[in-house]
Structures are given as C-alpha cells and as structure tokens.
C-alpha cells in the first residue's frame, strides 16, 4: 500500500533521488529542506514515515527526532535517519533518539526501499502491502480484494481501510479517536461517532461469511479485531 513519506533533506540532489525512488516504489513523498519546514508540514497532517537527514541547517535531524518522539501526537511516526556519519557511536546516538533505523550515505535505492518496507511492517503493517489473513478472512491490499472463506466480500473504501488497520493489528484495542487518526487521518475533522457507523457497515459486510464477530466492541475503550470471544 502507498505510504505518505516525509523526506527531510537539505541537499537537492539527494532529495530528488530519494523522491524519485519513493515514487517508483508506489509511495507518496512530501519534502522539506529543514526541520522547521518539516514541523510546519506535520502541523497540517502526519506522514506514515519520515526519512530524516542528520545534518540539517538550523535544528539538526537528531534534535528534530528527539522533539517528535517527546510529543504524544508525533511519537508513533516511524523515523529512518539518513546520514554520512557511519561510526558506531553515531548510529547509537541516532537510534537512541527514537529512530527506527539508520541508513548510511551513500545507499542504494534497493537498500532504502527494503529498510522502508521492514520498518513499515514492524510499525505500520497496514502500510507494508502484505496480504493479511485471520481465520479465513483474507485482505489483499495490492488487489484491494477481501474474501471470507474464499467468498468475495464487498467493502466501501472506508470500511476497507478500517478492516485493513484492524486486521493488521489483531487483539489490540483502539479508541474512536485513534481509529480516526489512523484510518481517516488526523487532518480530517469528523465526529468520533462516525467510527461507530462504519464499524456497523463493516460488520454487516462480514456477516455473510460469519466473520462479523471478529470485530469486537470493548466497552468504554473502543474496538478491536480478535479471534477470541468477546467478554
């Protein structure tokens, strides 16, 4: 699945190369040439991942990473540091800021794409593009198809995204606000009860194959996808 990736890099040649390779891999790059510009962009909407250069004019990439990881709103956004500093201590420093991975320049496009996919699989599995399946309920993000016990299930685009997020994070409980951020995007202003409407539509679509019980309400907390009976 296409991920929105913020590229924070002040060297134009490197920035253009990274953007080109992200586009070829099917992602949606957004660019910033400074930490300050990156922060301004993230006030509008959060990316799915950040590729962050260590050496930036003004605030450094390391300081930006620390600031993002200290903020509850941006803490969950995965970060890959890009840097020419390859010493072990530099790598440790980068990772201790909360970065999820560290790529040393120069790097190949194949390496970059492999690192991005690995981090997305760990931190945001719904963005990695892998087929996911739970007890006969199968979702293929590449073909945008959902089947239940090999029977096709028709879902609207919002229900598809909602199921994709929940099935990629089984057994975890998410509040309505968290689901709004993850499925609709934090820049979309809709009421929390909108989630309830789409959960009902999702359950109705899954009912024909007997998978509607997987989508569970956790009273006072939110929703989860679970193979265990709701108690």
Protein backbone atom coordinates (compact mmCIF):
# COMPACT_ATOMS: atom_id res chain seq x y z
CA UNK A 1 0.00 0.00 0.00
CA UNK A 2 1.15 3.51 -0.74
CA UNK A 3 2.64 5.32 2.26
CA UNK A 4 2.96 9.06 2.69
CA UNK A 5 6.66 9.59 3.47
CA UNK A 6 8.11 12.92 4.58
CA UNK A 7 11.65 13.41 3.23
CA UNK A 8 13.61 15.93 5.31
CA UNK A 9 16.82 16.55 3.36
CA UNK A 10 18.57 19.82 2.52
CA UNK A 11 20.76 18.53 -0.34
CA UNK A 12 18.68 18.91 -3.55
CA UNK A 13 20.41 16.11 -5.50
CA UNK A 14 19.90 13.55 -2.72
CA UNK A 15 16.37 14.76 -2.07
CA UNK A 16 15.40 14.39 -5.74
CA UNK A 17 16.92 10.90 -5.92
CA UNK A 18 15.08 9.77 -2.80
CA UNK A 19 11.78 11.24 -4.03
CA UNK A 20 12.13 9.55 -7.43
CA UNK A 21 12.76 6.15 -5.87
CA UNK A 22 9.89 6.55 -3.44
CA UNK A 23 7.54 7.38 -6.30
CA UNK A 24 8.76 4.36 -8.28
CA UNK A 25 8.07 2.18 -5.23
CA UNK A 26 4.49 3.49 -5.15
CA UNK A 27 4.82 5.80 -2.16
CA UNK A 28 3.72 9.45 -1.84
CA UNK A 29 6.73 11.60 -0.91
CA UNK A 30 6.42 15.03 0.72
CA UNK A 31 9.58 17.12 1.02
CA UNK A 32 11.07 19.57 3.49
CA UNK A 33 14.56 21.06 3.41
CA UNK A 34 14.72 21.95 7.11
CA UNK A 35 13.44 20.77 10.47
CA UNK A 36 11.34 23.90 10.80
CA UNK A 37 9.61 23.27 7.47
CA UNK A 38 9.03 19.63 8.46
CA UNK A 39 7.36 20.70 11.70
CA UNK A 40 5.12 23.13 9.80
CA UNK A 41 4.05 20.37 7.41
CA UNK A 42 3.31 17.99 10.26
CA UNK A 43 1.07 20.53 11.95
CA UNK A 44 -1.27 20.03 8.96
CA UNK A 45 -1.06 16.24 8.61
CA UNK A 46 1.10 13.40 9.88
CA UNK A 47 3.09 11.24 7.43
CA UNK A 48 3.25 7.46 7.65
CA UNK A 49 7.05 7.65 7.92
CA UNK A 50 9.89 10.20 7.99
CA UNK A 51 13.23 9.88 6.16
CA UNK A 52 15.33 12.32 8.16
CA UNK A 53 18.77 13.70 7.32
CA UNK A 54 21.09 14.02 10.33
CA UNK A 55 22.80 17.24 9.22
CA UNK A 56 20.25 19.98 8.58
CA UNK A 57 20.54 23.78 8.64
CA UNK A 58 19.27 25.23 11.91
CA UNK A 59 17.79 22.44 14.03
CA UNK A 60 19.61 19.14 13.40
CA UNK A 61 17.85 15.94 12.40
CA UNK A 62 18.77 14.40 15.75
CA UNK A 63 17.15 17.27 17.65
CA UNK A 64 14.06 17.07 15.43
CA UNK A 65 13.78 13.32 16.09
CA UNK A 66 14.02 13.94 19.86
CA UNK A 67 11.31 16.59 19.66
CA UNK A 68 8.98 14.34 17.63
CA UNK A 69 9.43 11.39 19.98
CA UNK A 70 8.70 13.60 23.00
CA UNK A 71 5.37 14.75 21.52
CA UNK A 72 2.43 12.40 22.03
CA UNK A 73 0.93 13.38 18.66
CA UNK A 74 4.04 12.52 16.61
CA UNK A 75 5.64 9.84 18.82
CA UNK A 76 4.26 6.95 16.79
CA UNK A 77 5.53 8.13 13.39
CA UNK A 78 8.45 5.86 12.38
CA UNK A 79 11.76 7.59 11.53
CA UNK A 80 14.67 6.40 9.40
CA UNK A 81 17.80 8.52 9.80
CA UNK A 82 19.84 9.29 6.65
CA UNK A 83 23.44 10.29 7.29
CA UNK A 84 27.01 10.14 6.07
CA UNK A 85 28.13 9.51 9.66
CA UNK A 86 28.81 5.79 9.85
CA UNK A 87 30.63 5.46 13.16
CA UNK A 88 29.14 3.05 15.67
CA UNK A 89 28.63 5.79 18.26
CA UNK A 90 26.82 7.94 15.69
CA UNK A 91 24.48 5.05 14.92
CA UNK A 92 23.84 4.53 18.61
CA UNK A 93 23.10 8.23 19.04
CA UNK A 94 20.67 8.17 16.13
CA UNK A 95 18.84 5.12 17.44
CA UNK A 96 18.73 6.47 20.99
CA UNK A 97 16.76 9.47 19.75
CA UNK A 98 13.98 7.01 18.94
CA UNK A 99 14.77 6.46 15.25
CA UNK A 100 13.61 3.08 13.96
CA UNK A 101 16.51 2.56 11.56
CA UNK A 102 19.69 4.20 10.31
CA UNK A 103 20.92 4.32 6.68
CA UNK A 104 24.46 5.46 5.92
CA UNK A 105 25.10 7.52 2.78
CA UNK A 106 25.72 6.60 0.03
CA UNK A 107 22.99 3.97 -0.10
CA UNK A 108 21.32 2.07 -2.94
CA UNK A 109 17.63 2.56 -3.79
CA UNK A 110 17.08 -1.17 -3.18
CA UNK A 111 18.50 -0.89 0.33
CA UNK A 112 16.38 2.17 1.08
CA UNK A 113 13.19 0.52 -0.14
CA UNK A 114 13.94 -2.67 1.80
CA UNK A 115 14.54 -0.69 5.01
CA UNK A 116 11.34 1.29 4.49
CA UNK A 117 9.28 -1.86 3.98
CA UNK A 118 10.84 -3.53 7.03
CA UNK A 119 10.09 -0.56 9.29
CA UNK A 120 6.54 -0.22 7.96
CA UNK A 121 5.97 -3.93 8.54
CA UNK A 122 7.02 -3.51 12.18
CA UNK A 123 5.47 -0.15 12.96
CA UNK A 124 2.60 0.22 10.48
CA UNK A 125 1.89 -3.21 8.98
CA UNK A 126 -1.20 -1.94 7.16
CA UNK A 127 1.16 0.18 5.01
CA UNK A 128 3.55 -2.63 4.03
CA UNK A 129 1.34 -4.04 1.26
CA UNK A 130 1.38 -7.63 2.55
CA UNK A 131 -1.63 -9.93 2.33
CA UNK A 132 -3.15 -10.45 5.80
CA UNK A 133 -5.42 -13.29 6.85
CA UNK A 134 -7.25 -14.26 10.05
CA UNK A 135 -9.41 -17.41 10.34
CA UNK A 136 -10.38 -17.43 6.68
CA UNK A 137 -10.81 -13.66 6.37
CA UNK A 138 -8.24 -12.54 3.79
CA UNK A 139 -7.36 -8.99 2.72
CA UNK A 140 -5.07 -8.27 -0.23
CA UNK A 141 -4.09 -4.58 -0.35
CA UNK A 142 -2.46 -4.90 -3.79
CA UNK A 143 -5.68 -6.03 -5.49
CA UNK A 144 -7.98 -4.31 -2.97
CA UNK A 145 -9.89 -7.57 -2.51
CA UNK A 146 -11.38 -9.09 0.63
CA UNK A 147 -12.59 -12.67 0.86
CA UNK A 148 -14.17 -14.72 3.62
CA UNK A 149 -13.67 -18.47 3.29
CA UNK A 150 -12.81 -17.83 -0.39
CA UNK A 151 -16.06 -15.90 -0.98
CA UNK A 152 -15.73 -12.27 -2.12
CA UNK A 153 -16.75 -9.55 0.35
CA UNK A 154 -17.66 -6.12 -1.00
CA UNK A 155 -16.46 -3.22 1.13
CA UNK A 156 -16.55 0.52 0.66
CA UNK A 157 -13.20 2.37 0.70
CA UNK A 158 -13.50 3.48 4.33
CA UNK A 159 -14.57 0.02 5.53
CA UNK A 160 -11.64 -1.47 3.61
CA UNK A 161 -9.15 0.86 5.31
CA UNK A 162 -10.76 0.22 8.69
CA UNK A 163 -10.60 -3.56 8.28
CA UNK A 164 -7.03 -3.33 6.97
CA UNK A 165 -5.90 -1.41 10.03
CA UNK A 166 -7.67 -3.69 12.50
CA UNK A 167 -6.62 -6.96 10.85
CA UNK A 168 -3.01 -5.75 10.71
CA UNK A 169 -3.11 -5.12 14.49
CA UNK A 170 -5.06 -8.08 15.87
CA UNK A 171 -6.06 -8.19 19.55
CA UNK A 172 -5.18 -4.51 20.12
CA UNK A 173 -7.87 -2.16 21.36
CA UNK A 174 -8.16 1.23 19.66
CA UNK A 175 -10.29 4.14 20.78
CA UNK A 176 -12.52 6.00 18.34
CA UNK A 177 -10.05 8.91 18.31
CA UNK A 178 -7.14 6.58 17.50
CA UNK A 179 -9.08 4.97 14.66
CA UNK A 180 -9.98 8.38 13.27
CA UNK A 181 -6.30 9.34 13.22
CA UNK A 182 -5.12 6.04 11.72
CA UNK A 183 -7.88 5.38 9.19
CA UNK A 184 -9.29 8.82 8.30
CA UNK A 185 -6.15 10.87 9.03
CA UNK A 186 -5.60 13.41 11.78
CA UNK A 187 -6.28 16.27 9.35
CA UNK A 188 -9.86 15.12 8.74
CA UNK A 189 -12.34 16.65 11.18
CA UNK A 190 -15.24 14.26 11.76
CA UNK A 191 -17.08 13.21 14.89
CA UNK A 192 -15.97 10.19 16.91
CA UNK A 193 -19.37 8.57 16.31
CA UNK A 194 -18.51 8.35 12.61
CA UNK A 195 -16.38 5.35 13.58
CA UNK A 196 -19.45 3.59 15.01
CA UNK A 197 -21.31 3.99 11.71
CA UNK A 198 -18.50 2.44 9.69
CA UNK A 199 -17.97 -0.35 12.21
CA UNK A 200 -21.65 -1.28 11.76
CA UNK A 201 -21.25 -1.24 7.97
CA UNK A 202 -18.13 -3.38 8.22
CA UNK A 203 -19.87 -5.94 10.44
CA UNK A 204 -22.83 -6.10 8.08
CA UNK A 205 -20.50 -6.81 5.14
CA UNK A 206 -18.67 -9.54 7.10
CA UNK A 207 -21.88 -11.16 8.36
CA UNK A 208 -22.43 -13.20 5.18
CA UNK A 209 -19.26 -15.22 5.77
CA UNK A 210 -19.61 -15.36 9.55
CA UNK A 211 -16.68 -13.05 10.27
CA UNK A 212 -18.65 -10.17 11.78
CA UNK A 213 -17.90 -11.42 15.31
CA UNK A 214 -14.20 -10.76 14.80
CA UNK A 215 -14.81 -7.00 15.05
CA UNK A 216 -15.50 -6.50 18.73
CA UNK A 217 -16.63 -3.61 20.88
CA UNK A 218 -14.64 -3.13 24.07
CA UNK A 219 -16.97 -1.24 26.37
CA UNK A 220 -15.55 2.11 27.46
CA UNK A 221 -12.40 1.67 25.34
CA UNK A 222 -13.12 1.23 21.64
CA UNK A 223 -12.79 -1.60 19.13
CA UNK A 224 -10.50 -4.49 18.30
CA UNK A 225 -10.27 -7.39 15.86
CA UNK A 226 -9.95 -10.66 17.76
CA UNK A 227 -10.40 -14.39 17.17
CA UNK A 228 -11.31 -14.81 20.83
CA UNK A 229 -14.90 -14.47 22.05
CA UNK A 230 -15.77 -11.02 23.29
CA UNK A 231 -16.23 -10.95 27.06
